[in-house]
């Protein structure tokens, strides 16, 4: 999930949004029985650094519900306050650990008050936005 969805999303967000503005999105990666979701939030930190917050969860697609033409409701695909999803701390830790390694994080992941884990990464010249 980190390599296939989260990392490309972070890089895309860094190219699209101007400095000084926080930005976020929710991405999914799934199969027939489940979808892994990740809420990704990025914010420019110190010069040349970006703070990335991440929360992941899994939405199980009950086969009977799914085949009964009743897929998971929208609320299950979002964290509170917009939705009812519950973050998966272990999954989040694994995904942000991979992201931290790939993006050369400056320190280990730290928890936030809203059930995300946060890393700070250096901004590479190729990631500089055109603001």
N, C-alpha and C. Protein backbone atom coordinates (compact mmCIF):
# COMPACT_ATOMS: atom_id res chain seq x y z
N UNK A 1 0.83 -1.19 0.00
CA UNK A 1 0.00 0.00 0.00
C UNK A 1 0.86 1.25 0.00
N UNK A 2 1.92 1.24 0.80
CA UNK A 2 2.78 2.43 0.87
C UNK A 2 3.40 2.74 -0.49
N UNK A 3 3.94 1.72 -1.13
CA UNK A 3 4.62 1.93 -2.41
C UNK A 3 3.63 2.19 -3.54
N UNK A 4 2.52 1.47 -3.54
CA UNK A 4 1.57 1.54 -4.65
C UNK A 4 0.67 2.76 -4.61
N UNK A 5 0.30 3.22 -3.41
CA UNK A 5 -0.70 4.28 -3.33
C UNK A 5 -0.25 5.49 -2.52
N UNK A 6 0.26 5.27 -1.31
CA UNK A 6 0.55 6.40 -0.41
C UNK A 6 1.71 7.25 -0.91
N UNK A 7 2.83 6.64 -1.23
CA UNK A 7 3.99 7.42 -1.66
C UNK A 7 3.69 8.24 -2.93
N UNK A 8 3.11 7.65 -3.98
CA UNK A 8 2.78 8.46 -5.16
C UNK A 8 1.80 9.60 -4.84
N UNK A 9 0.88 9.36 -3.91
CA UNK A 9 -0.08 10.40 -3.52
C UNK A 9 0.63 11.55 -2.83
N UNK A 10 1.54 11.24 -1.91
CA UNK A 10 2.29 12.29 -1.21
C UNK A 10 3.09 13.12 -2.22
N UNK A 11 3.79 12.45 -3.13
CA UNK A 11 4.59 13.18 -4.12
C UNK A 11 3.71 14.05 -5.01
N UNK A 12 2.56 13.54 -5.39
CA UNK A 12 1.63 14.33 -6.22
C UNK A 12 1.13 15.55 -5.46
N UNK A 13 0.77 15.37 -4.19
CA UNK A 13 0.29 16.49 -3.39
C UNK A 13 1.37 17.55 -3.24
N UNK A 14 2.61 17.13 -3.05
CA UNK A 14 3.70 18.09 -2.88
C UNK A 14 3.92 18.92 -4.14
N UNK A 15 3.66 18.32 -5.29
CA UNK A 15 3.83 19.06 -6.55
C UNK A 15 2.65 20.00 -6.83
N UNK A 16 1.47 19.66 -6.32
CA UNK A 16 0.27 20.41 -6.67
C UNK A 16 -0.06 21.58 -5.76
N UNK A 17 0.33 21.52 -4.50
CA UNK A 17 -0.14 22.52 -3.56
C UNK A 17 0.96 23.49 -3.15
N UNK A 18 0.59 24.74 -2.94
CA UNK A 18 1.59 25.77 -2.59
C UNK A 18 2.09 25.61 -1.15
N UNK A 19 3.23 26.15 -0.92
CA UNK A 19 3.81 26.14 0.42
C UNK A 19 2.94 26.93 1.39
N UNK A 20 3.00 26.53 2.66
CA UNK A 20 2.27 27.24 3.69
C UNK A 20 0.83 26.78 3.85
N UNK A 21 0.36 25.95 2.97
CA UNK A 21 -1.02 25.47 3.02
C UNK A 21 -1.03 23.97 3.32
N UNK A 22 -1.83 23.57 4.30
CA UNK A 22 -1.97 22.14 4.59
C UNK A 22 -2.91 21.53 3.56
N UNK A 23 -2.71 20.29 3.22
CA UNK A 23 -3.56 19.62 2.24
C UNK A 23 -3.68 18.17 2.61
N UNK A 24 -4.82 17.56 2.24
CA UNK A 24 -5.04 16.16 2.60
C UNK A 24 -5.93 15.48 1.58
N UNK A 25 -5.88 14.15 1.62
CA UNK A 25 -6.72 13.33 0.76
C UNK A 25 -6.84 11.95 1.38
N UNK A 26 -7.83 11.20 0.94
CA UNK A 26 -7.98 9.81 1.35
C UNK A 26 -7.83 8.94 0.11
N UNK A 27 -6.99 7.92 0.19
CA UNK A 27 -6.77 7.01 -0.93
C UNK A 27 -7.13 5.59 -0.50
N UNK A 28 -7.47 4.75 -1.48
CA UNK A 28 -7.81 3.37 -1.17
C UNK A 28 -7.02 2.42 -2.06
N UNK A 29 -6.84 1.22 -1.54
CA UNK A 29 -6.14 0.15 -2.24
C UNK A 29 -6.87 -1.12 -1.84
N UNK A 30 -7.48 -1.80 -2.80
CA UNK A 30 -8.32 -2.89 -2.36
C UNK A 30 -8.34 -4.11 -3.23
N UNK A 31 -9.03 -5.08 -2.69
CA UNK A 31 -9.26 -6.34 -3.38
C UNK A 31 -10.74 -6.65 -3.33
N UNK A 32 -11.08 -7.91 -3.55
CA UNK A 32 -12.48 -8.30 -3.56
C UNK A 32 -13.11 -8.30 -2.17
N UNK A 33 -12.32 -8.64 -1.16
CA UNK A 33 -12.88 -8.79 0.19
C UNK A 33 -12.63 -7.60 1.11
N UNK A 34 -11.74 -6.71 0.72
CA UNK A 34 -11.42 -5.60 1.61
C UNK A 34 -10.85 -4.43 0.82
N UNK A 35 -10.84 -3.26 1.44
CA UNK A 35 -10.13 -2.10 0.93
C UNK A 35 -9.29 -1.55 2.06
N UNK A 36 -8.03 -1.25 1.80
CA UNK A 36 -7.20 -0.55 2.76
C UNK A 36 -7.30 0.92 2.40
N UNK A 37 -7.56 1.74 3.39
CA UNK A 37 -7.71 3.17 3.17
C UNK A 37 -6.61 3.91 3.93
N UNK A 38 -6.22 5.04 3.40
CA UNK A 38 -5.22 5.87 4.08
C UNK A 38 -5.61 7.33 3.95
N UNK A 39 -5.65 8.01 5.08
CA UNK A 39 -5.85 9.46 5.07
C UNK A 39 -4.45 10.07 5.14
N UNK A 40 -4.09 10.82 4.13
CA UNK A 40 -2.76 11.42 4.02
C UNK A 40 -2.90 12.92 4.16
N UNK A 41 -2.13 13.49 5.07
CA UNK A 41 -2.14 14.94 5.28
C UNK A 41 -0.70 15.43 5.21
N UNK A 42 -0.47 16.48 4.49
CA UNK A 42 0.88 17.04 4.38
C UNK A 42 0.84 18.53 4.66
N UNK A 43 1.93 19.01 5.22
CA UNK A 43 2.02 20.43 5.56
C UNK A 43 3.48 20.83 5.49
N UNK A 44 3.73 21.96 4.88
CA UNK A 44 5.09 22.46 4.83
C UNK A 44 5.54 22.74 6.25
N UNK A 45 6.73 22.28 6.59
CA UNK A 45 7.29 22.49 7.93
C UNK A 45 8.38 23.56 7.82
N UNK A 46 9.54 23.30 8.35
CA UNK A 46 10.67 24.21 8.24
C UNK A 46 11.10 24.29 6.78
N UNK A 47 11.89 25.29 6.41
CA UNK A 47 12.34 25.37 5.02
C UNK A 47 12.98 24.05 4.58
N UNK A 48 12.52 23.55 3.44
CA UNK A 48 13.06 22.33 2.90
C UNK A 48 12.53 21.06 3.54
N UNK A 49 11.47 21.17 4.36
CA UNK A 49 10.93 20.00 5.04
C UNK A 49 9.40 19.98 4.95
N UNK A 50 8.87 18.76 4.91
CA UNK A 50 7.42 18.57 4.86
C UNK A 50 7.02 17.60 5.96
N UNK A 51 5.95 17.93 6.69
CA UNK A 51 5.41 17.04 7.71
C UNK A 51 4.27 16.26 7.08
N UNK A 52 4.32 14.93 7.19
CA UNK A 52 3.31 14.05 6.62
C UNK A 52 2.64 13.29 7.75
N UNK A 53 1.31 13.37 7.81
CA UNK A 53 0.52 12.64 8.81
C UNK A 53 -0.27 11.56 8.07
N UNK A 54 -0.39 10.40 8.68
CA UNK A 54 -1.03 9.27 8.02
C UNK A 54 -1.85 8.47 9.01
N UNK A 55 -3.04 8.06 8.58
CA UNK A 55 -3.88 7.13 9.33
C UNK A 55 -4.43 6.12 8.35
N UNK A 56 -4.31 4.83 8.66
CA UNK A 56 -4.78 3.77 7.76
C UNK A 56 -5.84 2.93 8.47
N UNK A 57 -6.72 2.35 7.69
CA UNK A 57 -7.73 1.43 8.21
C UNK A 57 -8.16 0.50 7.09
N UNK A 58 -8.84 -0.57 7.49
CA UNK A 58 -9.31 -1.57 6.53
C UNK A 58 -10.82 -1.61 6.57
N UNK A 59 -11.43 -1.61 5.39
CA UNK A 59 -12.88 -1.77 5.28
C UNK A 59 -13.12 -3.18 4.74
N UNK A 60 -13.70 -4.04 5.57
CA UNK A 60 -14.04 -5.39 5.13
C UNK A 60 -15.33 -5.34 4.32
N UNK A 61 -15.32 -6.00 3.19
CA UNK A 61 -16.51 -6.05 2.36
C UNK A 61 -17.18 -7.40 2.58
N UNK A 62 -18.17 -7.41 3.42
CA UNK A 62 -18.90 -8.65 3.69
C UNK A 62 -19.45 -9.18 2.37
N UNK A 63 -19.14 -10.42 2.06
CA UNK A 63 -19.50 -11.00 0.77
C UNK A 63 -21.01 -10.92 0.52
N UNK A 64 -21.81 -11.23 1.53
CA UNK A 64 -23.25 -11.20 1.33
C UNK A 64 -23.73 -9.78 1.03
N UNK A 65 -23.21 -8.81 1.78
CA UNK A 65 -23.59 -7.42 1.52
C UNK A 65 -23.17 -7.01 0.13
N UNK A 66 -21.94 -7.35 -0.22
CA UNK A 66 -21.40 -6.93 -1.50
C UNK A 66 -22.17 -7.56 -2.66
N UNK A 67 -22.41 -8.87 -2.57
CA UNK A 67 -23.14 -9.54 -3.64
C UNK A 67 -24.61 -9.16 -3.63
N UNK A 68 -25.11 -8.68 -2.51
CA UNK A 68 -26.49 -8.23 -2.43
C UNK A 68 -26.67 -6.82 -2.95
N UNK A 69 -25.71 -6.32 -3.72
CA UNK A 69 -25.78 -4.98 -4.30
C UNK A 69 -25.84 -3.89 -3.24
N UNK A 70 -25.13 -4.14 -2.14
CA UNK A 70 -25.09 -3.15 -1.07
C UNK A 70 -23.65 -3.03 -0.58
N UNK A 71 -22.76 -2.37 -1.34
CA UNK A 71 -21.36 -2.26 -0.94
C UNK A 71 -21.21 -1.41 0.32
N UNK A 72 -20.04 -1.39 0.92
CA UNK A 72 -19.83 -0.58 2.13
C UNK A 72 -20.31 0.86 1.92
N UNK A 73 -20.92 1.40 2.93
CA UNK A 73 -21.43 2.76 2.85
C UNK A 73 -20.27 3.75 2.89
N UNK A 74 -20.52 4.94 2.39
CA UNK A 74 -19.50 5.98 2.30
C UNK A 74 -18.86 6.29 3.66
N UNK A 75 -19.66 6.25 4.72
CA UNK A 75 -19.14 6.59 6.05
C UNK A 75 -18.02 5.65 6.49
N UNK A 76 -18.06 4.39 6.02
CA UNK A 76 -17.03 3.43 6.38
C UNK A 76 -15.69 3.72 5.71
N UNK A 77 -15.71 4.56 4.71
CA UNK A 77 -14.50 4.88 3.96
C UNK A 77 -13.84 6.17 4.45
N UNK A 78 -14.36 6.77 5.52
CA UNK A 78 -13.83 8.02 6.06
C UNK A 78 -13.65 7.92 7.57
N UNK A 79 -12.66 8.61 8.08
CA UNK A 79 -12.46 8.71 9.52
C UNK A 79 -13.41 9.75 10.10
N UNK A 80 -13.69 9.70 11.41
CA UNK A 80 -14.49 10.75 12.03
C UNK A 80 -13.80 12.10 11.84
N UNK A 81 -14.49 13.21 11.74
CA UNK A 81 -15.92 13.35 11.99
C UNK A 81 -16.79 13.08 10.76
N UNK A 82 -16.19 12.93 9.57
CA UNK A 82 -16.99 12.71 8.37
C UNK A 82 -17.53 11.29 8.28
N UNK A 83 -16.82 10.33 8.88
CA UNK A 83 -17.21 8.93 8.73
C UNK A 83 -17.11 8.14 10.01
N UNK A 84 -17.20 6.83 9.87
CA UNK A 84 -17.23 5.94 11.03
C UNK A 84 -16.03 4.99 11.09
N UNK A 85 -15.08 5.15 10.19
CA UNK A 85 -13.93 4.25 10.14
C UNK A 85 -13.10 4.36 11.42
N UNK A 86 -12.46 3.27 11.79
CA UNK A 86 -11.58 3.24 12.96
C UNK A 86 -10.17 2.94 12.46
N UNK A 87 -9.22 3.77 12.84
CA UNK A 87 -7.86 3.60 12.33
C UNK A 87 -7.23 2.32 12.87
N UNK A 88 -6.35 1.77 12.08
CA UNK A 88 -5.61 0.56 12.43
C UNK A 88 -4.18 0.99 12.72
N UNK A 89 -3.85 1.04 14.01
CA UNK A 89 -2.54 1.56 14.42
C UNK A 89 -1.39 0.72 13.86
N UNK A 90 -1.54 -0.61 13.85
CA UNK A 90 -0.47 -1.46 13.35
C UNK A 90 -0.25 -1.25 11.85
N UNK A 91 -1.32 -1.21 11.08
CA UNK A 91 -1.21 -0.97 9.64
C UNK A 91 -0.61 0.41 9.38
N UNK A 92 -1.08 1.41 10.10
CA UNK A 92 -0.55 2.76 9.94
C UNK A 92 0.94 2.80 10.23
N UNK A 93 1.35 2.11 11.29
CA UNK A 93 2.76 2.07 11.67
C UNK A 93 3.62 1.43 10.59
N UNK A 94 3.12 0.33 10.01
CA UNK A 94 3.88 -0.33 8.95
C UNK A 94 3.98 0.54 7.70
N UNK A 95 2.87 1.17 7.31
CA UNK A 95 2.87 1.99 6.09
C UNK A 95 3.74 3.22 6.28
N UNK A 96 3.63 3.90 7.42
CA UNK A 96 4.44 5.11 7.61
C UNK A 96 5.91 4.75 7.81
N UNK A 97 6.19 3.56 8.35
CA UNK A 97 7.58 3.11 8.47
C UNK A 97 8.21 2.93 7.10
N UNK A 98 7.46 2.34 6.18
CA UNK A 98 7.95 2.18 4.82
C UNK A 98 8.13 3.54 4.16
N UNK A 99 7.16 4.41 4.33
CA UNK A 99 7.23 5.75 3.74
C UNK A 99 8.42 6.52 4.32
N UNK A 100 8.64 6.38 5.63
CA UNK A 100 9.76 7.06 6.28
C UNK A 100 11.10 6.63 5.69
N UNK A 101 11.24 5.33 5.44
CA UNK A 101 12.47 4.81 4.85
C UNK A 101 12.64 5.32 3.42
N UNK A 102 11.59 5.23 2.62
CA UNK A 102 11.66 5.63 1.22
C UNK A 102 11.91 7.13 1.05
N UNK A 103 11.39 7.94 1.99
CA UNK A 103 11.50 9.40 1.85
C UNK A 103 12.54 10.00 2.78
N UNK A 104 13.38 9.16 3.40
CA UNK A 104 14.46 9.62 4.28
C UNK A 104 13.97 10.53 5.41
N UNK A 105 13.02 10.03 6.18
CA UNK A 105 12.46 10.80 7.30
C UNK A 105 13.57 11.25 8.24
N UNK A 106 13.36 12.41 8.83
CA UNK A 106 14.36 13.00 9.71
C UNK A 106 14.30 12.45 11.13
N UNK A 107 13.21 11.78 11.49
CA UNK A 107 13.07 11.18 12.82
C UNK A 107 12.01 10.08 12.74
N UNK A 108 11.83 9.35 13.82
CA UNK A 108 10.81 8.31 13.85
C UNK A 108 9.42 8.94 13.88
N UNK A 109 8.42 8.13 13.53
CA UNK A 109 7.03 8.60 13.50
C UNK A 109 6.54 8.96 14.89
N UNK A 110 5.78 10.04 14.96
CA UNK A 110 5.19 10.49 16.23
C UNK A 110 3.67 10.51 16.10
N UNK A 111 2.96 10.19 17.18
CA UNK A 111 1.49 10.22 17.13
C UNK A 111 0.96 11.64 17.20
N UNK A 112 -0.23 11.83 16.63
CA UNK A 112 -0.94 13.11 16.73
C UNK A 112 -2.13 12.90 17.66
N UNK A 113 -2.86 13.96 17.95
CA UNK A 113 -4.03 13.85 18.82
C UNK A 113 -5.23 13.29 18.09
N UNK A 114 -5.17 13.18 16.76
CA UNK A 114 -6.32 12.68 16.00
C UNK A 114 -6.01 11.35 15.30
N UNK A 115 -5.26 10.50 15.96
CA UNK A 115 -4.99 9.13 15.52
C UNK A 115 -4.31 9.04 14.16
N UNK A 116 -3.33 9.86 13.95
CA UNK A 116 -2.44 9.78 12.80
C UNK A 116 -1.03 9.58 13.35
N UNK A 117 -0.14 9.10 12.52
CA UNK A 117 1.29 9.09 12.83
C UNK A 117 1.94 10.07 11.88
N UNK A 118 2.93 10.81 12.37
CA UNK A 118 3.53 11.90 11.60
C UNK A 118 5.03 11.72 11.46
N UNK A 119 5.53 11.98 10.26
CA UNK A 119 6.96 12.03 10.01
C UNK A 119 7.28 13.36 9.33
N UNK A 120 8.51 13.78 9.45
CA UNK A 120 8.99 14.95 8.73
C UNK A 120 10.06 14.48 7.77
N UNK A 121 9.92 14.88 6.52
CA UNK A 121 10.84 14.43 5.48
C UNK A 121 11.46 15.64 4.80
N UNK A 122 12.68 15.46 4.27
CA UNK A 122 13.29 16.56 3.52
C UNK A 122 12.60 16.70 2.16
N UNK A 123 12.51 17.92 1.72
CA UNK A 123 11.91 18.20 0.41
C UNK A 123 13.00 18.11 -0.64
N UNK A 124 12.80 17.20 -1.58
CA UNK A 124 13.77 17.06 -2.67
C UNK A 124 13.51 18.10 -3.72
N UNK A 125 14.54 18.57 -4.42
CA UNK A 125 14.34 19.60 -5.45
C UNK A 125 13.29 19.21 -6.50
N UNK A 126 13.20 17.95 -6.86
CA UNK A 126 12.22 17.52 -7.86
C UNK A 126 10.80 17.63 -7.34
N UNK A 127 10.62 17.74 -5.99
CA UNK A 127 9.30 17.82 -5.40
C UNK A 127 8.87 19.26 -5.21
N UNK A 128 9.71 20.21 -5.50
CA UNK A 128 9.37 21.61 -5.28
C UNK A 128 8.17 22.00 -6.13
N UNK A 129 7.15 22.60 -5.49
CA UNK A 129 5.98 22.99 -6.24
C UNK A 129 6.21 24.26 -7.03
N UNK A 130 5.39 24.49 -7.97
CA UNK A 130 5.45 25.75 -8.72
C UNK A 130 4.37 26.64 -8.15
N UNK A 131 4.71 27.36 -7.06
CA UNK A 131 3.70 28.16 -6.39
C UNK A 131 3.65 29.58 -6.88
